[in-house]
Amino acid sequence: MNTILKEDLLTLNKLLSDTLLQGLTYLSNLDQTPTSVSFDPPAERTLSTSGMGGEGALYEFINRFESLMVASSGPRYWGFVTGGSTPAALMGDLLATIYDQNTQTTKGHGDVSAIVEFETIRLLLELFDLPDDFMGGFVTGATMSNFTCLGAARQWVGRRQGYDIAKSGISRPIHILSAVPHSSSIKALSMLGIGSSQVTRIPTINPTREAIDISKLEEAIHQLNGEPFILISSGGTVNTVDFDDMRAISALREKHDFWWHIDAAFGGFAAVSPKHKHLIEGWERADSITIDGHKWLNVPYESAFFFTRKEHTLHQVDTFQNSNAPYLGDPNENFNYLNFLPENSRRFKALAAWFSLVAYGKEGYREIVERTIDMAQELGQFIADSEAFELLAPTRLNTVCFTLKNGNEADVNTFLAKLNDGGKVFMTPTSFNGRAGIRAALVNWRTTAADVQIVKEEMNQVIQGIQSVVL
């Protein structure tokens, strides 16, 4: 064995203890860690011949990169709809790395990770009050969860058209209907060969809304003359957290045959709150649903899960099976995650979610969801009452979409840049209804009223500084 590698093995306890201490130090200072930093890129290093061992690598990492870390898992990182990691989720993710299991089957060959993943999906169905005729799995994010569901939907359409797309490829156009599809769905359509330009955009209820106009949707359905199609509906849009009318779409299922896919990346968590679950009523009739774990579930980044109806398992296996790999077993004999979703190589991805769900239960997640919604409402009210800012849309759930009163795009960009550069909060730019705007998305379990107060004070300070320069 290599001498340095052997030394690391002998001192593994100390190396991991030192590493954990470094991580705990970061977490203990998270509230004070800036949400953005300015820096010159560090000089690139070359690969040494002998290496410096784990202790040397940790020392170099701390010295070169620690100061570049931002509080992306902190309570005032309100960009990209990114949550943090609950204490229990960190515990699970740490063990996932240590145990280093390969999530494949539930057959009993050491594949406890697949058993945990099955159980975690069942726990999530309970959390969202969805029926047990769904099953699902974990992938990396919205793109891959939408890809997985739309891949199964593609196969369903092909079967309706009389051929096997997974084996033969796409030979006829596939119709996609949607009002405000997320970019990850469009990307998935491109990767699936369906085509990113194949989406027929259905008008929204009115120019100030992002929810699909049901009457226009039904008109578009009639124009297809019975052709199978896929409907991508929104379970919370990115800009304004608007929801398609799930009950109305559910009623359309009684009259028309189509695959109903719901992108509920974070809006699906409305189902956790008795106050807000009406927004998602009817979604249990969908064929597939995607939700991100690294948003409101507050597990480490690169986590998403999907639900698909058990009746569609064949379409999914047709699409993702490893049919020419005998060493992986017969895909038709036993359930194997390798034949159910895109990735063959999968870590113990569900363990962080399992830990967090078991640790905090329904009540814990209800509190997180409702508290962050309350904080978003407070920020929204501050903006509505302000003489400097204005809401671009009502604050329906956890995302505040706003702009500057009487400000042009350059003014908005200047304000946002100065706000983010302050390091107290991070928000992202957007545009809505033809106007430049700013998004603040609150999903982090750490966020409290004190954080909202810090942000309000920072916003006032930045806008006053800009106005004084103009005057």
Protein backbone atom coordinates (compact mmCIF):
# COMPACT_ATOMS: atom_id res chain seq x y z
CA MET A 1 0.00 0.00 0.00
CA ASN A 2 1.17 3.51 -0.77
CA THR A 3 2.97 4.92 2.29
CA ILE A 4 0.88 8.11 2.55
CA LEU A 5 -2.36 6.22 1.98
CA LYS A 6 -1.41 3.74 4.70
CA GLU A 7 -0.67 6.59 7.11
CA ASP A 8 -4.08 8.09 6.39
CA LEU A 9 -5.70 4.73 7.12
CA LEU A 10 -3.91 4.50 10.45
CA THR A 11 -4.91 8.05 11.41
CA LEU A 12 -8.41 7.96 9.90
CA ASN A 13 -10.19 8.80 13.16
CA LYS A 14 -8.16 11.98 13.61
CA LEU A 15 -8.55 12.99 9.96
CA LEU A 16 -12.31 12.65 10.11
CA SER A 17 -12.48 14.37 13.50
CA ASP A 18 -10.48 17.32 12.17
CA THR A 19 -12.67 17.48 9.08
CA LEU A 20 -15.87 17.34 11.12
CA LEU A 21 -14.55 20.08 13.40
CA GLN A 22 -13.92 22.26 10.36
CA GLY A 23 -17.48 21.70 9.19
CA LEU A 24 -18.94 22.38 12.61
CA THR A 25 -16.97 25.61 12.84
CA TYR A 26 -18.51 26.73 9.54
CA LEU A 27 -22.02 25.83 10.74
CA SER A 28 -21.60 27.58 14.07
CA ASN A 29 -20.78 30.82 12.22
CA LEU A 30 -23.36 30.40 9.47
CA ASP A 31 -25.54 33.32 10.57
CA GLN A 32 -22.54 35.65 10.28
CA THR A 33 -21.08 34.13 7.11
CA PRO A 34 -21.62 36.45 4.10
CA THR A 35 -24.02 35.43 1.37
CA SER A 36 -21.60 36.68 -1.27
CA VAL A 37 -17.87 37.36 -1.45
CA SER A 38 -15.51 39.23 -3.76
CA PHE A 39 -12.25 37.52 -4.60
CA ASP A 40 -9.53 37.00 -7.13
CA PRO A 41 -9.47 33.41 -8.39
CA PRO A 42 -6.82 31.42 -6.51
CA ALA A 43 -3.79 30.32 -8.46
CA GLU A 44 -4.19 26.85 -9.93
CA ARG A 45 -2.06 24.13 -8.41
CA THR A 46 -0.38 21.29 -10.23
CA LEU A 47 -0.72 17.64 -9.30
CA SER A 48 2.21 16.63 -7.10
CA THR A 49 4.04 13.38 -7.60
CA SER A 50 3.78 12.05 -4.06
CA GLY A 51 0.83 13.93 -2.54
CA MET A 52 0.58 15.47 0.92
CA GLY A 53 -1.92 13.17 2.63
CA GLY A 54 -5.34 13.93 4.03
CA GLU A 55 -4.08 16.32 6.72
CA GLY A 56 -2.13 18.36 4.18
CA ALA A 57 -5.10 18.42 1.80
CA LEU A 58 -7.39 19.68 4.57
CA TYR A 59 -4.89 22.37 5.53
CA GLU A 60 -4.53 23.54 1.93
CA PHE A 61 -8.29 23.53 1.39
CA ILE A 62 -8.84 25.71 4.46
CA ASN A 63 -6.12 28.16 3.47
CA ARG A 64 -7.06 28.48 -0.20
CA PHE A 65 -10.83 28.06 -0.30
CA GLU A 66 -12.49 28.54 3.09
CA SER A 67 -12.69 32.32 2.71
CA LEU A 68 -14.55 31.86 -0.59
CA MET A 69 -17.42 29.93 1.00
CA VAL A 70 -20.77 31.70 1.14
CA ALA A 71 -23.75 31.00 3.40
CA SER A 72 -25.72 29.23 0.68
CA SER A 73 -27.25 26.99 3.37
CA GLY A 74 -27.94 29.93 5.67
CA PRO A 75 -31.15 31.70 6.69
CA ARG A 76 -30.84 34.68 4.33
CA TYR A 77 -29.76 32.95 1.13
CA TRP A 78 -32.97 33.61 -0.77
CA GLY A 79 -31.81 32.90 -4.32
CA PHE A 80 -32.63 29.89 -6.55
CA VAL A 81 -35.19 28.51 -4.06
CA THR A 82 -32.44 26.73 -2.14
CA GLY A 83 -32.91 25.38 1.36
CA GLY A 84 -30.29 24.28 3.84
CA SER A 85 -29.76 20.97 5.63
CA THR A 86 -31.50 20.14 8.87
CA PRO A 87 -29.32 18.64 11.62
CA ALA A 88 -30.81 15.20 11.00
CA ALA A 89 -30.29 15.52 7.23
CA LEU A 90 -26.60 16.25 7.85
CA MET A 91 -26.40 13.14 10.02
CA GLY A 92 -27.93 11.02 7.28
CA ASP A 93 -25.74 12.46 4.55
CA LEU A 94 -22.61 11.91 6.61
CA LEU A 95 -23.51 8.25 7.11
CA ALA A 96 -24.45 7.92 3.44
CA THR A 97 -20.89 8.88 2.53
CA ILE A 98 -19.33 6.62 5.16
CA TYR A 99 -21.42 3.54 4.34
CA ASP A 100 -20.97 4.21 0.61
CA GLN A 101 -23.73 1.82 -0.51
CA ASN A 102 -24.72 1.30 -4.12
CA THR A 103 -28.48 1.71 -4.42
CA GLN A 104 -29.72 -1.04 -6.69
CA THR A 105 -32.19 -3.76 -5.72
CA THR A 106 -34.26 -4.75 -2.71
CA LYS A 107 -33.32 -8.38 -3.18
CA GLY A 108 -31.21 -8.66 -0.04
CA HIS A 109 -27.66 -8.64 -1.38
CA GLY A 110 -26.53 -5.89 0.97
CA ASP A 111 -28.74 -3.36 -0.78
CA VAL A 112 -30.15 -1.76 2.37
CA SER A 113 -29.98 1.60 0.58
CA ALA A 114 -32.72 0.50 -1.82
CA ILE A 115 -34.87 -0.65 1.11
CA VAL A 116 -34.38 2.73 2.80
CA GLU A 117 -35.23 4.52 -0.45
CA PHE A 118 -38.46 2.56 -0.80
CA GLU A 119 -39.38 3.42 2.76
CA THR A 120 -38.47 7.09 2.31
CA ILE A 121 -40.72 7.35 -0.74
CA ARG A 122 -43.57 5.89 1.33
CA LEU A 123 -42.88 8.40 4.10
CA LEU A 124 -42.95 11.23 1.56
CA LEU A 125 -46.27 10.03 0.18
CA GLU A 126 -47.63 10.21 3.72
CA LEU A 127 -46.13 13.68 4.20
CA PHE A 128 -47.88 14.95 1.06
CA ASP A 129 -51.05 12.95 1.72
CA LEU A 130 -50.76 11.17 -1.63
CA PRO A 131 -52.20 7.69 -2.28
CA ASP A 132 -50.02 4.59 -2.20
CA ASP A 133 -50.65 3.85 -5.87
CA PHE A 134 -47.58 6.01 -6.52
CA MET A 135 -44.01 4.84 -6.30
CA GLY A 136 -40.83 6.80 -6.90
CA GLY A 137 -37.15 7.36 -6.42
CA PHE A 138 -34.41 9.90 -5.79
CA VAL A 139 -32.37 11.70 -8.45
CA THR A 140 -30.10 14.75 -8.49
CA GLY A 141 -32.47 17.66 -9.08
CA ALA A 142 -35.39 19.09 -11.02
CA THR A 143 -33.83 18.40 -14.40
CA MET A 144 -33.39 14.68 -13.79
CA SER A 145 -36.71 14.25 -11.98
CA ASN A 146 -38.54 15.92 -14.88
CA PHE A 147 -36.42 13.89 -17.30
CA THR A 148 -37.41 10.65 -15.56
CA CYS A 149 -41.12 11.40 -15.51
CA LEU A 150 -41.23 12.79 -19.03
CA GLY A 151 -39.20 9.79 -20.23
CA ALA A 152 -41.93 7.48 -18.95
CA ALA A 153 -44.53 9.82 -20.45
CA ARG A 154 -42.75 9.67 -23.81
CA GLN A 155 -43.00 5.87 -23.72
CA TRP A 156 -46.68 6.08 -22.81
CA VAL A 157 -47.36 8.31 -25.82
CA GLY A 158 -45.47 5.93 -28.08
CA ARG A 159 -47.53 2.98 -26.88
CA ARG A 160 -50.67 5.00 -27.55
CA GLN A 161 -49.34 5.66 -31.05
CA GLY A 162 -48.61 1.96 -31.54
CA TYR A 163 -44.84 1.66 -31.23
CA ASP A 164 -41.99 1.36 -28.72
CA ILE A 165 -40.09 4.66 -28.57
CA ALA A 166 -37.46 3.28 -26.19
CA LYS A 167 -36.42 0.74 -28.81
CA SER A 168 -37.30 2.45 -32.07
CA GLY A 169 -36.80 6.13 -31.32
CA ILE A 170 -39.24 8.94 -31.95
CA SER A 171 -40.84 8.77 -35.40
CA ARG A 172 -43.85 11.01 -34.83
CA PRO A 173 -44.12 14.39 -33.09
CA ILE A 174 -45.12 14.31 -29.44
CA HIS A 175 -47.51 17.03 -28.37
CA ILE A 176 -46.69 18.92 -25.16
CA LEU A 177 -49.13 21.39 -23.65
CA SER A 178 -48.14 23.80 -20.90
CA ALA A 179 -48.54 27.41 -19.77
CA VAL A 180 -45.39 28.30 -17.83
CA PRO A 181 -43.09 25.26 -17.87
CA HIS A 182 -39.89 25.47 -15.85
CA SER A 183 -36.63 25.58 -17.78
CA SER A 184 -35.68 22.15 -16.41
CA SER A 185 -38.72 20.62 -18.12
CA ILE A 186 -37.77 22.28 -21.40
CA LYS A 187 -34.23 20.97 -21.00
CA ALA A 188 -35.58 17.49 -20.30
CA LEU A 189 -37.67 17.58 -23.48
CA SER A 190 -34.55 18.49 -25.41
CA MET A 191 -32.52 15.64 -23.87
CA LEU A 192 -35.34 13.16 -24.51
CA GLY A 193 -35.39 14.00 -28.21
CA ILE A 194 -38.96 15.28 -27.99
CA GLY A 195 -37.71 18.77 -28.76
CA SER A 196 -37.68 21.92 -26.68
CA SER A 197 -39.77 23.73 -29.31
CA GLN A 198 -42.55 21.13 -29.26
CA VAL A 199 -44.35 22.85 -26.39
CA THR A 200 -47.68 24.44 -27.28
CA ARG A 201 -47.95 27.37 -24.90
CA ILE A 202 -51.44 27.71 -23.47
CA PRO A 203 -52.38 31.23 -22.34
CA THR A 204 -52.55 31.99 -18.65
CA ILE A 205 -55.69 33.20 -16.89
CA ASN A 206 -54.64 36.81 -17.45
CA PRO A 207 -51.37 38.71 -18.02
CA THR A 208 -50.76 39.09 -14.28
CA ARG A 209 -51.10 35.36 -13.56
CA GLU A 210 -49.00 32.31 -14.41
CA ALA A 211 -51.79 29.74 -13.96
CA ILE A 212 -53.08 28.01 -17.08
CA ASP A 213 -56.37 29.10 -18.60
CA ILE A 214 -58.47 25.92 -18.39
CA SER A 215 -60.87 26.94 -21.18
CA LYS A 216 -57.94 27.62 -23.53
CA LEU A 217 -56.40 24.31 -22.51
CA GLU A 218 -59.56 22.46 -23.41
CA GLU A 219 -59.68 24.24 -26.77
CA ALA A 220 -56.12 23.08 -27.47
CA ILE A 221 -57.04 19.54 -26.49
CA HIS A 222 -59.95 19.47 -28.93
CA GLN A 223 -57.62 20.68 -31.70
CA LEU A 224 -55.50 17.56 -31.20
CA ASN A 225 -58.43 15.40 -32.36
CA GLY A 226 -57.77 12.58 -29.93
CA GLU A 227 -53.99 12.48 -30.35
CA PRO A 228 -52.18 11.48 -27.15
CA PHE A 229 -50.31 14.30 -25.46
CA ILE A 230 -48.44 15.29 -22.33
CA LEU A 231 -49.63 18.11 -20.09
CA ILE A 232 -46.96 19.78 -17.96
CA SER A 233 -48.65 21.76 -15.22
CA SER A 234 -47.23 24.01 -12.54
CA GLY A 235 -47.38 23.18 -8.87
CA GLY A 236 -45.93 26.57 -7.98
CA THR A 237 -44.22 28.71 -10.62
CA VAL A 238 -40.76 30.11 -10.01
CA ASN A 239 -41.59 33.80 -10.15
CA THR A 240 -44.92 34.07 -8.36
CA VAL A 241 -45.65 30.56 -7.00
CA ASP A 242 -48.80 30.35 -9.06
CA PHE A 243 -50.64 27.03 -9.32
CA ASP A 244 -52.57 25.55 -12.17
CA ASP A 245 -56.09 24.57 -11.17
CA MET A 246 -55.49 20.93 -10.24
CA ARG A 247 -59.16 20.17 -9.61
CA ALA A 248 -60.16 21.50 -13.03
CA ILE A 249 -57.39 19.52 -14.73
CA SER A 250 -58.43 16.45 -12.78
CA ALA A 251 -61.94 16.90 -14.18
CA LEU A 252 -60.50 17.05 -17.71
CA ARG A 253 -59.05 13.57 -17.11
CA GLU A 254 -62.62 12.30 -17.04
CA LYS A 255 -63.09 13.40 -20.66
CA HIS A 256 -59.64 13.18 -22.25
CA ASP A 257 -56.78 10.70 -22.25
CA PHE A 258 -53.41 12.35 -21.58
CA TRP A 259 -50.34 12.05 -19.39
CA TRP A 260 -50.53 14.61 -16.63
CA HIS A 261 -47.16 15.68 -15.25
CA ILE A 262 -46.89 18.17 -12.38
CA ASP A 263 -43.71 20.09 -11.70
CA ALA A 264 -44.10 20.82 -7.98
CA ALA A 265 -40.43 21.41 -7.21
CA PHE A 266 -41.22 23.41 -4.07
CA GLY A 267 -44.91 24.28 -4.37
CA GLY A 268 -45.83 20.69 -3.60
CA PHE A 269 -45.01 21.45 0.03
CA ALA A 270 -48.24 23.44 0.21
CA ALA A 271 -49.81 20.04 0.83
CA VAL A 272 -47.98 19.86 4.18
CA SER A 273 -49.87 22.89 5.53
CA PRO A 274 -53.60 22.76 6.29
CA LYS A 275 -53.66 26.51 5.55
CA HIS A 276 -52.33 26.10 2.01
CA LYS A 277 -53.07 22.54 0.84
CA HIS A 278 -56.07 23.79 -1.15
CA LEU A 279 -53.55 25.10 -3.70
CA ILE A 280 -52.63 21.55 -4.65
CA GLU A 281 -55.99 19.77 -4.30
CA GLY A 282 -56.57 17.37 -7.17
CA TRP A 283 -52.90 16.61 -7.82
CA GLU A 284 -53.40 13.04 -6.63
CA ARG A 285 -54.90 12.28 -10.06
CA ALA A 286 -51.63 13.09 -11.85
CA ASP A 287 -49.52 10.46 -13.61
CA SER A 288 -46.24 11.91 -12.37
CA ILE A 289 -45.04 14.53 -9.91
CA THR A 290 -41.59 15.99 -9.32
CA ILE A 291 -40.42 17.68 -6.11
CA ASP A 292 -36.98 18.90 -5.03
CA GLY A 293 -35.49 17.68 -1.77
CA HIS A 294 -32.89 20.42 -1.57
CA LYS A 295 -35.60 23.04 -1.42
CA TRP A 296 -38.25 22.82 1.30
CA LEU A 297 -37.31 19.32 2.48
CA ASN A 298 -34.02 20.94 3.56
CA VAL A 299 -31.64 18.11 2.74
CA PRO A 300 -28.16 18.57 1.19
CA TYR A 301 -27.98 19.96 -2.31
CA GLU A 302 -28.36 17.62 -5.28
CA SER A 303 -31.51 15.88 -4.16
CA ALA A 304 -34.88 15.52 -5.83
CA PHE A 305 -37.52 12.82 -5.97
CA PHE A 306 -40.37 11.89 -8.25
CA PHE A 307 -43.62 10.01 -7.95
CA THR A 308 -45.08 8.00 -10.82
CA ARG A 309 -48.16 5.81 -10.79
CA LYS A 310 -47.48 2.13 -10.31
CA GLU A 311 -49.58 1.40 -13.39
CA HIS A 312 -46.86 3.12 -15.43
CA THR A 313 -43.95 1.07 -14.08
CA LEU A 314 -43.70 -0.83 -17.35
CA HIS A 315 -43.30 2.40 -19.33
CA GLN A 316 -40.56 3.45 -16.95
CA VAL A 317 -38.71 0.14 -17.08
CA ASP A 318 -39.02 0.08 -20.88
CA THR A 319 -37.25 3.46 -20.92
CA PHE A 320 -34.53 2.97 -18.30
CA GLN A 321 -33.82 -0.77 -18.22
CA ASN A 322 -30.31 -2.18 -18.64
CA SER A 323 -31.40 -4.87 -21.09
CA ASN A 324 -27.92 -5.70 -22.41
CA ALA A 325 -26.15 -6.07 -19.04
CA PRO A 326 -26.57 -9.66 -17.75
CA TYR A 327 -24.42 -8.92 -14.70
CA LEU A 328 -27.11 -6.53 -13.48
CA GLY A 329 -29.81 -9.19 -13.55
CA ASP A 330 -33.04 -9.60 -15.48
CA PRO A 331 -34.97 -6.30 -15.32
CA ASN A 332 -38.25 -8.23 -15.43
CA GLU A 333 -37.52 -10.50 -12.47
CA ASN A 334 -36.96 -8.17 -9.51
CA PHE A 335 -37.39 -4.47 -8.99
CA ASN A 336 -34.08 -2.70 -9.45
CA TYR A 337 -33.57 1.05 -9.28
CA LEU A 338 -31.06 0.72 -12.11
CA ASN A 339 -33.99 -0.11 -14.39
CA PHE A 340 -36.34 2.53 -13.00
CA LEU A 341 -34.49 5.82 -13.40
CA PRO A 342 -31.59 7.28 -15.41
CA GLU A 343 -28.53 6.79 -13.20
CA ASN A 344 -26.86 3.40 -12.83
CA SER A 345 -24.33 4.69 -10.32
CA ARG A 346 -26.22 5.95 -7.28
CA ARG A 347 -25.07 6.72 -3.76
CA PHE A 348 -27.16 6.28 -0.61
CA LYS A 349 -29.13 9.30 -1.76
CA ALA A 350 -32.33 8.80 0.24
CA LEU A 351 -30.69 8.49 3.66
CA ALA A 352 -30.54 12.23 4.41
CA ALA A 353 -34.26 12.56 3.65
CA TRP A 354 -35.07 9.46 5.72
CA PHE A 355 -33.21 10.87 8.73
CA SER A 356 -34.91 14.25 8.48
CA LEU A 357 -38.41 12.82 8.00
CA VAL A 358 -38.01 10.40 10.90
CA ALA A 359 -36.48 13.11 13.10
CA TYR A 360 -39.10 15.84 12.57
CA GLY A 361 -42.20 14.15 11.19
CA LYS A 362 -45.28 15.80 9.74
CA GLU A 363 -45.50 18.42 12.45
CA GLY A 364 -41.88 19.47 12.07
CA TYR A 365 -42.23 20.03 8.35
CA ARG A 366 -45.57 21.77 8.74
CA GLU A 367 -43.88 24.24 11.08
CA ILE A 368 -40.96 24.85 8.70
CA VAL A 369 -43.29 25.41 5.74
CA GLU A 370 -45.72 27.69 7.56
CA ARG A 371 -42.99 29.69 9.29
CA THR A 372 -41.14 30.42 6.04
CA ILE A 373 -44.42 31.34 4.36
CA ASP A 374 -45.15 33.72 7.21
CA MET A 375 -41.70 35.27 6.82
CA ALA A 376 -42.26 35.71 3.07
CA GLN A 377 -45.62 37.33 3.78
CA GLU A 378 -43.94 39.73 6.20
CA LEU A 379 -41.36 40.70 3.59
CA GLY A 380 -44.11 41.08 1.00
CA GLN A 381 -46.07 43.38 3.28
CA PHE A 382 -42.97 45.48 3.89
CA ILE A 383 -42.57 45.91 0.14
CA ALA A 384 -46.27 46.67 -0.39
CA ASP A 385 -46.09 49.40 2.27
CA SER A 386 -42.82 50.85 0.98
CA GLU A 387 -42.45 54.06 -0.98
CA ALA A 388 -39.37 52.67 -2.77
CA PHE A 389 -40.46 49.16 -3.74
CA GLU A 390 -43.52 47.50 -5.20
CA LEU A 391 -44.73 43.93 -5.61
CA LEU A 392 -44.90 42.56 -9.13
CA ALA A 393 -47.31 39.86 -7.97
CA PRO A 394 -49.10 38.88 -4.78
CA THR A 395 -47.00 36.90 -2.30
CA ARG A 396 -48.95 33.64 -2.58
CA LEU A 397 -46.61 31.33 -0.75
CA ASN A 398 -42.88 31.64 -0.07
CA THR A 399 -41.50 33.72 -2.94
CA VAL A 400 -41.60 37.50 -3.10
CA CYS A 401 -41.40 39.00 -6.58
CA PHE A 402 -40.84 42.75 -6.54
CA THR A 403 -39.17 45.70 -8.22
CA LEU A 404 -38.33 49.37 -7.62
CA LYS A 405 -41.05 51.96 -7.95
CA ASN A 406 -40.40 54.12 -11.00
CA GLY A 407 -37.14 52.23 -11.62
CA ASN A 408 -35.88 50.98 -14.96
CA GLU A 409 -33.95 47.75 -15.55
CA ALA A 410 -30.59 49.42 -14.88
CA ASP A 411 -31.86 50.80 -11.56
CA VAL A 412 -33.12 47.38 -10.51
CA ASN A 413 -29.83 45.73 -11.45
CA THR A 414 -27.84 48.36 -9.56
CA PHE A 415 -29.94 47.93 -6.44
CA LEU A 416 -29.70 44.13 -6.55
CA ALA A 417 -25.95 44.17 -7.11
CA LYS A 418 -25.40 46.47 -4.12
CA LEU A 419 -27.80 44.47 -1.97
CA ASN A 420 -26.07 41.18 -2.75
CA ASP A 421 -22.59 42.67 -2.42
CA GLY A 422 -23.43 43.61 1.16
CA GLY A 423 -23.32 39.92 2.05
CA LYS A 424 -26.34 40.06 4.38
CA VAL A 425 -28.80 38.53 1.93
CA PHE A 426 -28.76 37.00 -1.53
CA MET A 427 -31.60 37.40 -4.05
CA THR A 428 -31.81 36.76 -7.79
CA PRO A 429 -32.93 38.85 -10.77
CA THR A 430 -36.02 38.04 -12.78
CA SER A 431 -38.55 39.60 -15.11
CA PHE A 432 -42.30 39.40 -14.89
CA ASN A 433 -44.97 40.82 -17.12
CA GLY A 434 -42.38 42.78 -19.08
CA ARG A 435 -40.71 44.38 -16.07
CA ALA A 436 -37.31 43.77 -14.50
CA GLY A 437 -37.65 42.42 -11.01
CA ILE A 438 -36.09 40.61 -8.08
CA ARG A 439 -36.96 37.28 -6.46
CA ALA A 440 -36.60 36.36 -2.80
CA ALA A 441 -37.39 32.70 -2.15
CA LEU A 442 -37.63 31.62 1.49
CA VAL A 443 -37.36 27.87 2.16
CA ASN A 444 -34.56 27.55 4.72
CA TRP A 445 -35.45 25.95 8.06
CA ARG A 446 -33.23 28.47 9.90
CA THR A 447 -35.03 31.60 8.68
CA THR A 448 -36.75 33.62 11.42
CA ALA A 449 -38.34 37.04 11.86
CA ALA A 450 -34.94 38.36 12.94
CA ASP A 451 -33.54 37.51 9.51
CA VAL A 452 -36.39 39.29 7.77
CA GLN A 453 -35.75 42.35 9.90
CA ILE A 454 -32.05 42.32 8.93
CA VAL A 455 -33.02 42.17 5.27
CA LYS A 456 -35.57 44.97 5.53
CA GLU A 457 -33.00 47.22 7.15
CA GLU A 458 -30.42 46.30 4.52
CA MET A 459 -32.87 47.00 1.67
CA ASN A 460 -33.72 50.41 3.13
CA GLN A 461 -30.05 51.26 3.59
CA VAL A 462 -29.13 50.28 0.03
CA ILE A 463 -32.01 52.13 -1.61
CA GLN A 464 -31.33 55.26 0.46
CA GLY A 465 -27.69 55.15 -0.58
CA ILE A 466 -28.65 54.92 -4.24
CA GLN A 467 -31.22 57.71 -3.97
CA SER A 468 -28.73 60.01 -2.21
CA VAL A 469 -26.24 59.52 -5.05
CA VAL A 470 -28.93 60.37 -7.62
CA LEU A 471 -29.97 63.47 -5.71
